[in-house]
Amino acid sequence: MAPALFLSALIVGCGEKEDKKPAKPAETPVTETKKEPEKKAETGAEKSPGDAPDKKPEAAGDTKALNFGKGDRKWTVKIPAGWKEEEPTNNMRLAQVRVPKKKDDPDDAEVTAFQMSGGTVQQNLDRWAGQFGGADSMKAKKALKTAAGSEAIVAEFEGNYTAMVQGAPEVKKDYKMLGAIIELEGGGEIYLKFIGPFNTIDAAKAAFDKVIESFNAAK
């Protein structure tokens, strides 16, 4: 009987000393989340290619009025918005306009308006041709109708232009000129000369034609 009790107590004691490990909690499956890229702070300096520019550029067809004349005889033409009106450098000029040069040309071009008396249309054309080396320098001549209803003769000259700079002649190589002679109602003429480096003048031939066609008496 005693051995049996001893064995029973031993079994119970062993059961009390047995370490029971806690049950391992079930693992929660890890779901991979996609990391959103960090957004950069927007600044006024950063613009996408499609953004509108801060300043509206001048459209090709934009024009502005150029008024000129003396006394009770005044006229007006429409010039491209990018051409800059200047104070005439001598009292023979009724108007003076600077035309920005094209890339690689050495100088800006210039439009001048003046009124002269004496000489026929052909005599004035011959004089202009002489400034470019002779009769062969005149490459074209045409007639345009102005807004005033009068006719304008426009001639084109190319070559080395002899300009008067501070009272002394100076030769400008590879120059071009568009010269217009506009008949006035009641007699006389207005002259507009567009002179400058070849590429700058050549690129603005159509614009100069429109200037001449817009010629009218100022209101």
N, C-alpha and C. Protein backbone atom coordinates (compact mmCIF):
# COMPACT_ATOMS: atom_id res chain seq x y z
N MET A 1 0.84 -1.21 0.00
CA MET A 1 0.00 0.00 0.00
C MET A 1 0.86 1.25 0.00
N ALA A 2 1.95 1.18 0.84
CA ALA A 2 2.82 2.36 0.92
C ALA A 2 3.52 2.66 -0.38
N PRO A 3 4.04 1.65 -1.07
CA PRO A 3 4.67 1.96 -2.38
C PRO A 3 3.70 2.58 -3.35
N ALA A 4 2.50 2.16 -3.32
CA ALA A 4 1.51 2.70 -4.27
C ALA A 4 1.25 4.17 -3.98
N LEU A 5 1.16 4.55 -2.70
CA LEU A 5 0.92 5.94 -2.36
C LEU A 5 2.11 6.79 -2.75
N PHE A 6 3.29 6.25 -2.52
CA PHE A 6 4.51 6.98 -2.88
C PHE A 6 4.58 7.27 -4.36
N LEU A 7 4.22 6.26 -5.16
CA LEU A 7 4.23 6.43 -6.64
C LEU A 7 3.20 7.44 -7.07
N SER A 8 2.05 7.43 -6.43
CA SER A 8 0.99 8.38 -6.79
C SER A 8 1.39 9.80 -6.48
N ALA A 9 2.07 9.97 -5.30
CA ALA A 9 2.50 11.32 -4.94
C ALA A 9 3.58 11.83 -5.87
N LEU A 10 4.41 10.91 -6.29
CA LEU A 10 5.50 11.29 -7.22
C LEU A 10 4.96 11.78 -8.56
N ILE A 11 3.94 11.09 -9.01
CA ILE A 11 3.33 11.46 -10.31
C ILE A 11 2.69 12.82 -10.20
N VAL A 12 2.00 13.09 -9.06
CA VAL A 12 1.33 14.38 -8.90
C VAL A 12 2.35 15.49 -8.80
N GLY A 13 3.45 15.21 -8.03
CA GLY A 13 4.47 16.24 -7.90
C GLY A 13 5.13 16.57 -9.20
N CYS A 14 5.37 15.58 -9.97
CA CYS A 14 5.96 15.84 -11.32
C CYS A 14 5.04 16.67 -12.16
N GLY A 15 3.75 16.47 -12.06
CA GLY A 15 2.80 17.24 -12.85
C GLY A 15 2.79 18.68 -12.46
N GLU A 16 3.05 18.99 -11.13
CA GLU A 16 3.05 20.37 -10.70
C GLU A 16 4.28 21.13 -11.18
N LYS A 17 5.39 20.40 -11.36
CA LYS A 17 6.62 21.06 -11.79
C LYS A 17 6.74 21.21 -13.29
N GLU A 18 5.86 20.65 -14.03
CA GLU A 18 5.92 20.71 -15.51
C GLU A 18 5.66 22.15 -15.98
N ASP A 19 6.65 22.71 -16.74
CA ASP A 19 6.48 24.08 -17.33
C ASP A 19 5.59 24.03 -18.53
N LYS A 20 4.53 24.79 -18.45
CA LYS A 20 3.63 24.85 -19.60
C LYS A 20 3.95 26.12 -20.39
N LYS A 21 4.40 25.95 -21.61
CA LYS A 21 4.69 27.09 -22.48
C LYS A 21 3.39 27.70 -22.97
N PRO A 22 3.32 29.04 -22.91
CA PRO A 22 2.07 29.68 -23.41
C PRO A 22 1.88 29.44 -24.89
N ALA A 23 0.65 29.34 -25.26
CA ALA A 23 0.35 29.10 -26.68
C ALA A 23 0.77 30.28 -27.53
N LYS A 24 1.43 29.99 -28.60
CA LYS A 24 1.91 31.03 -29.52
C LYS A 24 0.74 31.62 -30.28
N PRO A 25 0.62 32.95 -30.19
CA PRO A 25 -0.53 33.55 -30.90
C PRO A 25 -0.42 33.34 -32.41
N ALA A 26 -1.57 33.22 -33.02
CA ALA A 26 -1.58 33.00 -34.48
C ALA A 26 -1.00 34.23 -35.18
N GLU A 27 -0.13 33.97 -36.13
CA GLU A 27 0.52 35.07 -36.86
C GLU A 27 -0.45 35.71 -37.83
N THR A 28 -0.48 37.05 -37.75
CA THR A 28 -1.32 37.80 -38.70
C THR A 28 -0.55 38.01 -39.98
N PRO A 29 -1.11 37.63 -41.11
CA PRO A 29 -0.36 37.80 -42.37
C PRO A 29 -0.09 39.28 -42.64
N VAL A 30 1.15 39.55 -43.05
CA VAL A 30 1.56 40.94 -43.32
C VAL A 30 1.21 41.28 -44.77
N THR A 31 0.42 42.32 -44.91
CA THR A 31 0.06 42.77 -46.26
C THR A 31 1.00 43.90 -46.67
N GLU A 32 1.66 43.74 -47.80
CA GLU A 32 2.62 44.76 -48.27
C GLU A 32 1.86 45.97 -48.81
N THR A 33 2.15 47.10 -48.23
CA THR A 33 1.49 48.33 -48.69
C THR A 33 2.42 49.12 -49.59
N LYS A 34 1.85 49.69 -50.62
CA LYS A 34 2.62 50.47 -51.58
C LYS A 34 2.85 51.87 -51.03
N LYS A 35 4.11 52.27 -50.99
CA LYS A 35 4.47 53.57 -50.44
C LYS A 35 4.22 54.66 -51.48
N GLU A 36 3.42 55.63 -51.08
CA GLU A 36 3.14 56.75 -51.98
C GLU A 36 4.36 57.65 -52.06
N PRO A 37 4.74 58.08 -53.29
CA PRO A 37 5.89 58.99 -53.40
C PRO A 37 5.58 60.32 -52.73
N GLU A 38 6.59 60.86 -52.10
CA GLU A 38 6.41 62.14 -51.42
C GLU A 38 6.16 63.26 -52.42
N LYS A 39 5.19 64.09 -52.14
CA LYS A 39 4.89 65.21 -53.02
C LYS A 39 5.78 66.38 -52.66
N LYS A 40 6.42 66.94 -53.69
CA LYS A 40 7.27 68.11 -53.47
C LYS A 40 6.40 69.34 -53.28
N ALA A 41 6.86 70.17 -52.43
CA ALA A 41 6.13 71.43 -52.22
C ALA A 41 6.13 72.23 -53.49
N GLU A 42 4.96 72.74 -53.86
CA GLU A 42 4.86 73.51 -55.09
C GLU A 42 5.44 74.89 -54.86
N THR A 43 6.20 75.35 -55.84
CA THR A 43 6.76 76.70 -55.78
C THR A 43 6.37 77.43 -57.04
N GLY A 44 6.37 78.75 -56.94
CA GLY A 44 6.00 79.56 -58.10
C GLY A 44 6.99 79.42 -59.23
N ALA A 45 8.23 78.96 -58.94
CA ALA A 45 9.26 78.89 -59.97
C ALA A 45 9.10 77.67 -60.85
N GLU A 46 8.41 76.62 -60.31
CA GLU A 46 8.27 75.39 -61.07
C GLU A 46 7.02 75.46 -61.93
N LYS A 47 7.19 75.22 -63.22
CA LYS A 47 6.07 75.26 -64.15
C LYS A 47 6.15 74.04 -65.05
N SER A 48 5.00 73.46 -65.33
CA SER A 48 4.98 72.35 -66.28
C SER A 48 4.96 72.94 -67.67
N PRO A 49 5.37 72.14 -68.69
CA PRO A 49 5.44 72.66 -70.06
C PRO A 49 4.13 73.24 -70.57
N GLY A 50 2.99 72.73 -70.02
CA GLY A 50 1.70 73.21 -70.52
C GLY A 50 1.20 74.47 -69.85
N ASP A 51 1.92 74.92 -68.81
CA ASP A 51 1.46 76.12 -68.10
C ASP A 51 1.49 77.35 -68.99
N ALA A 52 0.54 78.24 -68.80
CA ALA A 52 0.51 79.49 -69.57
C ALA A 52 1.63 80.40 -69.10
N PRO A 53 2.27 81.13 -70.01
CA PRO A 53 3.33 82.06 -69.60
C PRO A 53 2.78 83.20 -68.76
N ASP A 54 3.65 83.80 -67.95
CA ASP A 54 3.20 84.89 -67.09
C ASP A 54 2.75 86.09 -67.91
N LYS A 55 3.44 86.34 -69.03
CA LYS A 55 3.11 87.50 -69.85
C LYS A 55 2.74 87.05 -71.24
N LYS A 56 1.66 87.58 -71.76
CA LYS A 56 1.22 87.21 -73.10
C LYS A 56 2.16 87.80 -74.14
N PRO A 57 2.76 86.93 -74.99
CA PRO A 57 3.66 87.47 -76.02
C PRO A 57 2.88 88.22 -77.09
N GLU A 58 3.57 89.11 -77.78
CA GLU A 58 2.91 89.86 -78.84
C GLU A 58 2.58 88.92 -79.99
N ALA A 59 1.36 88.97 -80.46
CA ALA A 59 0.98 88.16 -81.61
C ALA A 59 1.56 88.77 -82.87
N ALA A 60 1.73 87.89 -83.86
CA ALA A 60 2.38 88.33 -85.10
C ALA A 60 1.61 89.46 -85.77
N GLY A 61 0.26 89.48 -85.61
CA GLY A 61 -0.54 90.49 -86.29
C GLY A 61 -0.80 91.75 -85.49
N ASP A 62 -0.27 91.84 -84.26
CA ASP A 62 -0.52 93.02 -83.43
C ASP A 62 0.14 94.26 -84.04
N THR A 63 -0.59 95.37 -84.06
CA THR A 63 -0.06 96.62 -84.62
C THR A 63 -0.37 97.78 -83.69
N LYS A 64 0.28 98.89 -83.95
CA LYS A 64 0.01 100.13 -83.23
C LYS A 64 0.13 101.29 -84.21
N ALA A 65 -0.48 102.41 -83.87
CA ALA A 65 -0.48 103.57 -84.77
C ALA A 65 0.81 104.36 -84.63
N LEU A 66 1.30 104.82 -85.77
CA LEU A 66 2.43 105.76 -85.81
C LEU A 66 1.93 107.00 -86.53
N ASN A 67 1.86 108.11 -85.81
CA ASN A 67 1.39 109.37 -86.39
C ASN A 67 2.57 110.31 -86.62
N PHE A 68 2.55 111.03 -87.72
CA PHE A 68 3.65 111.95 -88.03
C PHE A 68 3.17 113.04 -88.96
N GLY A 69 3.97 114.09 -89.06
CA GLY A 69 3.63 115.21 -89.93
C GLY A 69 3.94 116.53 -89.26
N LYS A 70 3.67 117.61 -89.96
CA LYS A 70 3.92 118.96 -89.43
C LYS A 70 2.74 119.87 -89.77
N GLY A 71 2.49 120.80 -88.87
CA GLY A 71 1.41 121.76 -89.13
C GLY A 71 0.07 121.08 -89.25
N ASP A 72 -0.67 121.47 -90.29
CA ASP A 72 -1.99 120.90 -90.49
C ASP A 72 -1.96 119.66 -91.39
N ARG A 73 -0.77 119.22 -91.77
CA ARG A 73 -0.64 118.01 -92.61
C ARG A 73 -0.03 116.90 -91.78
N LYS A 74 -0.88 115.97 -91.37
CA LYS A 74 -0.43 114.85 -90.54
C LYS A 74 -0.99 113.54 -91.11
N TRP A 75 -0.20 112.49 -90.93
CA TRP A 75 -0.56 111.17 -91.49
C TRP A 75 -0.37 110.10 -90.43
N THR A 76 -0.87 108.92 -90.75
CA THR A 76 -0.76 107.80 -89.82
C THR A 76 -0.54 106.50 -90.59
N VAL A 77 0.19 105.60 -89.98
CA VAL A 77 0.35 104.23 -90.50
C VAL A 77 0.26 103.28 -89.31
N LYS A 78 0.06 102.01 -89.60
CA LYS A 78 0.06 100.98 -88.55
C LYS A 78 1.36 100.17 -88.67
N ILE A 79 2.11 100.14 -87.57
CA ILE A 79 3.37 99.40 -87.57
C ILE A 79 3.27 98.20 -86.62
N PRO A 80 4.06 97.15 -86.83
CA PRO A 80 4.04 96.01 -85.90
C PRO A 80 4.33 96.44 -84.47
N ALA A 81 3.69 95.78 -83.52
CA ALA A 81 3.81 96.16 -82.11
C ALA A 81 5.25 96.09 -81.59
N GLY A 82 6.06 95.21 -82.18
CA GLY A 82 7.44 95.05 -81.73
C GLY A 82 8.40 96.09 -82.25
N TRP A 83 7.96 96.96 -83.16
CA TRP A 83 8.81 98.03 -83.68
C TRP A 83 8.75 99.21 -82.71
N LYS A 84 9.89 99.85 -82.47
CA LYS A 84 9.98 100.88 -81.44
C LYS A 84 10.10 102.29 -82.04
N GLU A 85 9.11 103.13 -81.75
CA GLU A 85 9.18 104.53 -82.22
C GLU A 85 10.24 105.29 -81.45
N GLU A 86 11.02 106.11 -82.16
CA GLU A 86 12.09 106.89 -81.54
C GLU A 86 11.94 108.36 -81.89
N GLU A 87 12.66 109.19 -81.17
CA GLU A 87 12.73 110.61 -81.50
C GLU A 87 13.60 110.78 -82.75
N PRO A 88 13.10 111.45 -83.79
CA PRO A 88 13.92 111.63 -85.00
C PRO A 88 15.26 112.29 -84.68
N THR A 89 16.32 111.80 -85.33
CA THR A 89 17.67 112.31 -85.06
C THR A 89 18.00 113.57 -85.85
N ASN A 90 17.16 113.96 -86.80
CA ASN A 90 17.35 115.26 -87.48
C ASN A 90 16.00 115.82 -87.87
N ASN A 91 15.97 117.11 -88.18
CA ASN A 91 14.69 117.78 -88.42
C ASN A 91 14.09 117.50 -89.80
N MET A 92 14.81 116.75 -90.64
CA MET A 92 14.23 116.36 -91.93
C MET A 92 13.30 115.16 -91.77
N ARG A 93 13.47 114.41 -90.70
CA ARG A 93 12.68 113.20 -90.49
C ARG A 93 11.38 113.54 -89.76
N LEU A 94 10.28 113.03 -90.31
CA LEU A 94 8.99 113.21 -89.67
C LEU A 94 8.74 112.10 -88.64
N ALA A 95 9.36 110.95 -88.84
CA ALA A 95 9.21 109.82 -87.92
C ALA A 95 10.43 108.93 -88.04
N GLN A 96 10.68 108.19 -86.96
CA GLN A 96 11.83 107.29 -86.95
C GLN A 96 11.46 106.08 -86.09
N VAL A 97 11.69 104.88 -86.61
CA VAL A 97 11.30 103.64 -85.92
C VAL A 97 12.46 102.65 -85.96
N ARG A 98 12.73 102.02 -84.83
CA ARG A 98 13.78 101.00 -84.75
C ARG A 98 13.13 99.63 -84.85
N VAL A 99 13.73 98.77 -85.72
CA VAL A 99 13.23 97.40 -85.91
C VAL A 99 14.30 96.43 -85.42
N PRO A 100 14.00 95.62 -84.41
CA PRO A 100 15.01 94.72 -83.84
C PRO A 100 15.61 93.79 -84.89
N LYS A 101 16.93 93.62 -84.82
CA LYS A 101 17.65 92.80 -85.79
C LYS A 101 17.33 91.33 -85.63
N LYS A 102 17.49 90.62 -86.74
CA LYS A 102 17.39 89.17 -86.72
C LYS A 102 18.72 88.59 -86.24
N LYS A 103 18.66 87.35 -85.80
CA LYS A 103 19.86 86.69 -85.26
C LYS A 103 21.02 86.77 -86.25
N ASP A 104 22.19 87.07 -85.75
CA ASP A 104 23.46 87.13 -86.50
C ASP A 104 23.61 88.39 -87.35
N ASP A 105 22.56 89.19 -87.50
CA ASP A 105 22.72 90.47 -88.21
C ASP A 105 23.47 91.44 -87.30
N PRO A 106 24.31 92.31 -87.86
CA PRO A 106 25.12 93.19 -87.01
C PRO A 106 24.38 94.37 -86.39
N ASP A 107 23.30 94.83 -87.05
CA ASP A 107 22.62 96.04 -86.59
C ASP A 107 21.11 95.85 -86.60
N ASP A 108 20.42 96.71 -85.84
CA ASP A 108 18.98 96.85 -85.98
C ASP A 108 18.69 97.55 -87.30
N ALA A 109 17.46 97.43 -87.77
CA ALA A 109 17.04 98.16 -88.97
C ALA A 109 16.30 99.42 -88.54
N GLU A 110 16.03 100.28 -89.52
CA GLU A 110 15.41 101.57 -89.21
C GLU A 110 14.42 101.96 -90.30
N VAL A 111 13.27 102.47 -89.87
CA VAL A 111 12.28 103.04 -90.78
C VAL A 111 12.25 104.54 -90.54
N THR A 112 12.33 105.31 -91.61
CA THR A 112 12.22 106.77 -91.49
C THR A 112 11.16 107.28 -92.47
N ALA A 113 10.50 108.35 -92.08
CA ALA A 113 9.51 109.00 -92.94
C ALA A 113 9.90 110.46 -93.09
N PHE A 114 9.81 110.95 -94.31
CA PHE A 114 10.14 112.36 -94.55
C PHE A 114 9.42 112.85 -95.79
N GLN A 115 9.40 114.15 -95.97
CA GLN A 115 8.74 114.77 -97.12
C GLN A 115 9.76 115.67 -97.81
N MET A 116 9.89 115.48 -99.12
CA MET A 116 10.84 116.28 -99.88
C MET A 116 10.13 116.93 -101.05
N SER A 117 10.70 117.99 -101.52
CA SER A 117 10.16 118.63 -102.73
C SER A 117 11.22 118.60 -103.81
N GLY A 118 10.79 118.38 -105.00
CA GLY A 118 11.74 118.36 -106.12
C GLY A 118 12.11 116.96 -106.53
N GLY A 119 12.23 116.77 -107.85
CA GLY A 119 12.62 115.47 -108.38
C GLY A 119 11.42 114.59 -108.67
N THR A 120 11.54 113.84 -109.76
CA THR A 120 10.48 112.89 -110.13
C THR A 120 10.67 111.59 -109.34
N VAL A 121 9.67 110.72 -109.45
CA VAL A 121 9.77 109.40 -108.80
C VAL A 121 11.00 108.67 -109.28
N GLN A 122 11.22 108.67 -110.59
CA GLN A 122 12.37 107.94 -111.14
C GLN A 122 13.69 108.55 -110.68
N GLN A 123 13.76 109.85 -110.60
CA GLN A 123 14.99 110.49 -110.14
C GLN A 123 15.32 110.11 -108.70
N ASN A 124 14.29 109.98 -107.88
CA ASN A 124 14.52 109.57 -106.50
C ASN A 124 14.92 108.09 -106.42
N LEU A 125 14.33 107.25 -107.25
CA LEU A 125 14.73 105.84 -107.28
C LEU A 125 16.18 105.71 -107.73
N ASP A 126 16.57 106.51 -108.71
CA ASP A 126 17.95 106.47 -109.19
C ASP A 126 18.92 106.92 -108.09
N ARG A 127 18.51 107.90 -107.33
CA ARG A 127 19.37 108.39 -106.24
C ARG A 127 19.55 107.30 -105.17
N TRP A 128 18.47 106.61 -104.85
CA TRP A 128 18.56 105.51 -103.87
C TRP A 128 19.45 104.38 -104.40
N ALA A 129 19.30 104.07 -105.69
CA ALA A 129 20.14 103.02 -106.28
C ALA A 129 21.62 103.39 -106.19
N GLY A 130 21.91 104.69 -106.37
CA GLY A 130 23.29 105.14 -106.28
C GLY A 130 23.89 104.93 -104.89
N GLN A 131 23.05 104.98 -103.85
CA GLN A 131 23.53 104.73 -102.49
C GLN A 131 23.89 103.26 -102.26
N PHE A 132 23.41 102.38 -103.16
CA PHE A 132 23.70 100.95 -103.05
C PHE A 132 24.65 100.46 -104.15
N GLY A 133 25.28 101.37 -104.85
CA GLY A 133 26.29 100.97 -105.83
C GLY A 133 25.91 101.11 -107.28
N GLY A 134 24.68 101.55 -107.59
CA GLY A 134 24.31 101.75 -108.99
C GLY A 134 22.99 101.11 -109.35
N ALA A 135 22.62 101.24 -110.63
CA ALA A 135 21.30 100.81 -111.10
C ALA A 135 21.03 99.33 -110.87
N ASP A 136 22.07 98.50 -110.92
CA ASP A 136 21.89 97.05 -110.75
C ASP A 136 21.44 96.68 -109.33
N SER A 137 21.55 97.60 -108.41
CA SER A 137 21.17 97.29 -107.02
C SER A 137 19.66 97.24 -106.82
N MET A 138 18.88 97.83 -107.75
CA MET A 138 17.42 97.78 -107.62
C MET A 138 16.93 96.43 -108.13
N LYS A 139 16.39 95.62 -107.24
CA LYS A 139 16.00 94.25 -107.57
C LYS A 139 14.53 94.10 -107.91
N ALA A 140 13.70 95.01 -107.46
CA ALA A 140 12.26 94.88 -107.73
C ALA A 140 11.59 96.23 -107.53
N LYS A 141 10.41 96.37 -108.17
CA LYS A 141 9.60 97.59 -108.01
C LYS A 141 8.15 97.21 -108.22
N LYS A 142 7.27 97.74 -107.38
CA LYS A 142 5.84 97.43 -107.50
C LYS A 142 5.02 98.61 -107.01
N ALA A 143 3.72 98.58 -107.31
CA ALA A 143 2.79 99.61 -106.86
C ALA A 143 1.82 99.01 -105.85
N LEU A 144 1.55 99.76 -104.78
CA LEU A 144 0.58 99.34 -103.77
C LEU A 144 -0.47 100.44 -103.60
N LYS A 145 -1.67 100.03 -103.21
CA LYS A 145 -2.75 100.98 -102.95
C LYS A 145 -2.81 101.26 -101.45
N THR A 146 -2.84 102.52 -101.07
CA THR A 146 -2.88 102.87 -99.66
C THR A 146 -4.32 103.04 -99.17
N ALA A 147 -4.49 103.09 -97.84
CA ALA A 147 -5.82 103.30 -97.26
C ALA A 147 -6.38 104.66 -97.62
N ALA A 148 -5.50 105.61 -97.96
CA ALA A 148 -5.94 106.95 -98.37
C ALA A 148 -6.46 106.96 -99.80
N GLY A 149 -6.25 105.86 -100.51
CA GLY A 149 -6.70 105.78 -101.90
C GLY A 149 -5.64 106.15 -102.90
N SER A 150 -4.47 106.56 -102.42
CA SER A 150 -3.39 106.95 -103.33
C SER A 150 -2.50 105.75 -103.66
N GLU A 151 -1.61 105.97 -104.61
CA GLU A 151 -0.69 104.89 -105.02
C GLU A 151 0.68 105.10 -104.39
N ALA A 152 1.30 103.98 -104.04
CA ALA A 152 2.67 104.01 -103.51
C ALA A 152 3.56 103.13 -104.39
N ILE A 153 4.70 103.65 -104.75
CA ILE A 153 5.71 102.86 -105.47
C ILE A 153 6.72 102.35 -104.44
N VAL A 154 6.91 101.04 -104.39
CA VAL A 154 7.84 100.43 -103.44
C VAL A 154 8.94 99.73 -104.23
N ALA A 155 10.18 100.14 -103.97
CA ALA A 155 11.34 99.56 -104.66
C ALA A 155 12.26 98.88 -103.66
N GLU A 156 12.95 97.84 -104.14
CA GLU A 156 13.82 97.02 -103.29
C GLU A 156 15.26 97.12 -103.79
N PHE A 157 16.17 97.43 -102.87
CA PHE A 157 17.59 97.60 -103.22
C PHE A 157 18.46 96.69 -102.34
N GLU A 158 19.55 96.18 -102.94
CA GLU A 158 20.46 95.31 -102.20
C GLU A 158 21.90 95.67 -102.56
N GLY A 159 22.81 95.46 -101.60
CA GLY A 159 24.22 95.70 -101.87
C GLY A 159 24.92 96.34 -100.69
N ASN A 160 26.03 97.01 -100.99
CA ASN A 160 26.76 97.75 -99.96
C ASN A 160 26.23 99.17 -99.91
N TYR A 161 25.68 99.52 -98.77
CA TYR A 161 24.98 100.81 -98.62
C TYR A 161 25.93 101.87 -98.06
N THR A 162 25.98 103.00 -98.74
CA THR A 162 26.79 104.12 -98.25
C THR A 162 25.91 105.04 -97.42
N ALA A 163 26.15 105.00 -96.12
CA ALA A 163 25.36 105.81 -95.19
C ALA A 163 26.18 107.01 -94.75
N MET A 164 25.48 108.06 -94.37
CA MET A 164 26.15 109.24 -93.83
C MET A 164 26.10 109.14 -92.30
N VAL A 165 27.25 108.97 -91.68
CA VAL A 165 27.33 108.84 -90.23
C VAL A 165 28.13 110.03 -89.68
N GLN A 166 27.46 110.88 -88.93
CA GLN A 166 28.08 112.10 -88.38
C GLN A 166 28.78 112.92 -89.47
N GLY A 167 28.07 113.04 -90.60
CA GLY A 167 28.56 113.87 -91.70
C GLY A 167 29.59 113.22 -92.59
N ALA A 168 29.98 111.98 -92.29
CA ALA A 168 30.99 111.29 -93.11
C ALA A 168 30.39 110.01 -93.68
N PRO A 169 30.74 109.64 -94.93
CA PRO A 169 30.20 108.41 -95.54
C PRO A 169 30.76 107.16 -94.85
N GLU A 170 29.89 106.18 -94.66
CA GLU A 170 30.29 104.90 -94.07
C GLU A 170 29.60 103.79 -94.85
N VAL A 171 30.38 102.80 -95.30
CA VAL A 171 29.82 101.72 -96.12
C VAL A 171 29.36 100.58 -95.21
N LYS A 172 28.09 100.20 -95.39
CA LYS A 172 27.50 99.08 -94.66
C LYS A 172 27.35 97.91 -95.64
N LYS A 173 28.07 96.83 -95.39
CA LYS A 173 28.06 95.70 -96.31
C LYS A 173 26.82 94.83 -96.13
N ASP A 174 26.39 94.26 -97.27
CA ASP A 174 25.24 93.33 -97.30
C ASP A 174 24.00 93.94 -96.65
N TYR A 175 23.65 95.12 -97.11
CA TYR A 175 22.48 95.81 -96.62
C TYR A 175 21.34 95.70 -97.63
N LYS A 176 20.16 96.07 -97.16
CA LYS A 176 18.96 96.01 -98.01
C LYS A 176 18.08 97.20 -97.65
N MET A 177 17.34 97.69 -98.64
CA MET A 177 16.41 98.79 -98.39
C MET A 177 15.12 98.58 -99.16
N LEU A 178 14.02 98.87 -98.48
CA LEU A 178 12.70 98.97 -99.12
C LEU A 178 12.33 100.45 -99.06
N GLY A 179 12.17 101.06 -100.21
CA GLY A 179 11.85 102.48 -100.27
C GLY A 179 10.48 102.70 -100.88
N ALA A 180 9.65 103.48 -100.22
CA ALA A 180 8.29 103.74 -100.71
C ALA A 180 8.10 105.23 -100.98
N ILE A 181 7.49 105.53 -102.12
CA ILE A 181 7.15 106.91 -102.48
C ILE A 181 5.63 106.97 -102.60
N ILE A 182 4.98 107.74 -101.73
CA ILE A 182 3.52 107.78 -101.66
C ILE A 182 3.03 109.13 -102.15
N GLU A 183 2.16 109.10 -103.15
CA GLU A 183 1.60 110.34 -103.69
C GLU A 183 0.59 110.92 -102.70
N LEU A 184 0.62 112.23 -102.54
CA LEU A 184 -0.31 112.90 -101.64
C LEU A 184 -1.40 113.62 -102.41
N GLU A 185 -2.58 113.62 -101.82
CA GLU A 185 -3.68 114.38 -102.44
C GLU A 185 -3.34 115.87 -102.39
N GLY A 186 -3.44 116.51 -103.50
CA GLY A 186 -3.10 117.93 -103.58
C GLY A 186 -1.65 118.17 -103.96
N GLY A 187 -0.91 117.09 -104.24
CA GLY A 187 0.47 117.23 -104.69
C GLY A 187 1.49 116.92 -103.61
N GLY A 188 2.68 116.55 -104.07
CA GLY A 188 3.75 116.20 -103.15
C GLY A 188 3.80 114.71 -102.86
N GLU A 189 4.82 114.30 -102.15
CA GLU A 189 5.01 112.89 -101.80
C GLU A 189 5.50 112.75 -100.37
N ILE A 190 5.20 111.59 -99.81
CA ILE A 190 5.80 111.15 -98.54
C ILE A 190 6.72 109.97 -98.87
N TYR A 191 7.89 109.96 -98.25
CA TYR A 191 8.87 108.91 -98.49
C TYR A 191 9.07 108.10 -97.20
N LEU A 192 9.02 106.81 -97.32
CA LEU A 192 9.35 105.93 -96.20
C LEU A 192 10.48 105.00 -96.64
N LYS A 193 11.54 104.97 -95.85
CA LYS A 193 12.69 104.12 -96.15
C LYS A 193 12.90 103.13 -95.01
N PHE A 194 13.04 101.87 -95.38
CA PHE A 194 13.28 100.79 -94.42
C PHE A 194 14.65 100.20 -94.75
N ILE A 195 15.66 100.53 -93.94
CA ILE A 195 17.05 100.18 -94.26
C ILE A 195 17.65 99.36 -93.11
N GLY A 196 18.44 98.34 -93.48
CA GLY A 196 19.12 97.56 -92.45
C GLY A 196 19.83 96.36 -93.04
N PRO A 197 20.39 95.49 -92.20
CA PRO A 197 21.05 94.28 -92.67
C PRO A 197 20.08 93.41 -93.48
N PHE A 198 20.63 92.67 -94.41
CA PHE A 198 19.83 91.93 -95.39
C PHE A 198 18.75 91.05 -94.73
N ASN A 199 19.13 90.19 -93.77
CA ASN A 199 18.18 89.22 -93.21
C ASN A 199 17.03 89.90 -92.47
N THR A 200 17.35 90.96 -91.75
CA THR A 200 16.31 91.67 -90.98
C THR A 200 15.27 92.30 -91.91
N ILE A 201 15.74 92.94 -92.98
CA ILE A 201 14.81 93.57 -93.93
C ILE A 201 14.04 92.51 -94.71
N ASP A 202 14.74 91.47 -95.14
CA ASP A 202 14.10 90.43 -95.96
C ASP A 202 12.97 89.76 -95.18
N ALA A 203 13.17 89.55 -93.88
CA ALA A 203 12.16 88.88 -93.06
C ALA A 203 10.93 89.76 -92.82
N ALA A 204 11.08 91.08 -93.00
CA ALA A 204 9.98 92.01 -92.69
C ALA A 204 9.37 92.65 -93.94
N LYS A 205 9.62 92.08 -95.10
CA LYS A 205 9.09 92.67 -96.34
C LYS A 205 7.56 92.74 -96.32
N ALA A 206 6.91 91.65 -95.93
CA ALA A 206 5.44 91.63 -95.91
C ALA A 206 4.91 92.63 -94.88
N ALA A 207 5.59 92.75 -93.75
CA ALA A 207 5.16 93.70 -92.72
C ALA A 207 5.27 95.14 -93.23
N PHE A 208 6.34 95.43 -93.98
CA PHE A 208 6.50 96.80 -94.51
C PHE A 208 5.42 97.10 -95.55
N ASP A 209 5.06 96.12 -96.37
CA ASP A 209 3.98 96.32 -97.33
C ASP A 209 2.69 96.72 -96.61
N LYS A 210 2.42 96.07 -95.49
CA LYS A 210 1.20 96.38 -94.74
C LYS A 210 1.27 97.79 -94.14
N VAL A 211 2.46 98.19 -93.74
CA VAL A 211 2.62 99.57 -93.24
C VAL A 211 2.25 100.56 -94.33
N ILE A 212 2.75 100.34 -95.52
CA ILE A 212 2.46 101.25 -96.64
C ILE A 212 0.98 101.23 -96.99
N GLU A 213 0.39 100.07 -97.02
CA GLU A 213 -1.04 99.96 -97.36
C GLU A 213 -1.92 100.63 -96.32
N SER A 214 -1.43 100.77 -95.08
CA SER A 214 -2.23 101.38 -94.01
C SER A 214 -2.13 102.91 -94.00
N PHE A 215 -1.29 103.47 -94.85
CA PHE A 215 -1.06 104.93 -94.87
C PHE A 215 -2.38 105.68 -95.11
N ASN A 216 -2.61 106.70 -94.26
CA ASN A 216 -3.83 107.50 -94.40
C ASN A 216 -3.63 108.85 -93.72
N ALA A 217 -4.52 109.77 -93.99
CA ALA A 217 -4.48 111.06 -93.29
C ALA A 217 -4.88 110.85 -91.84
N ALA A 218 -4.16 111.50 -90.93
CA ALA A 218 -4.48 111.37 -89.51
C ALA A 218 -5.74 112.17 -89.19
N LYS A 219 -6.58 111.65 -88.33
CA LYS A 219 -7.83 112.33 -87.97
C LYS A 219 -7.60 113.25 -86.77
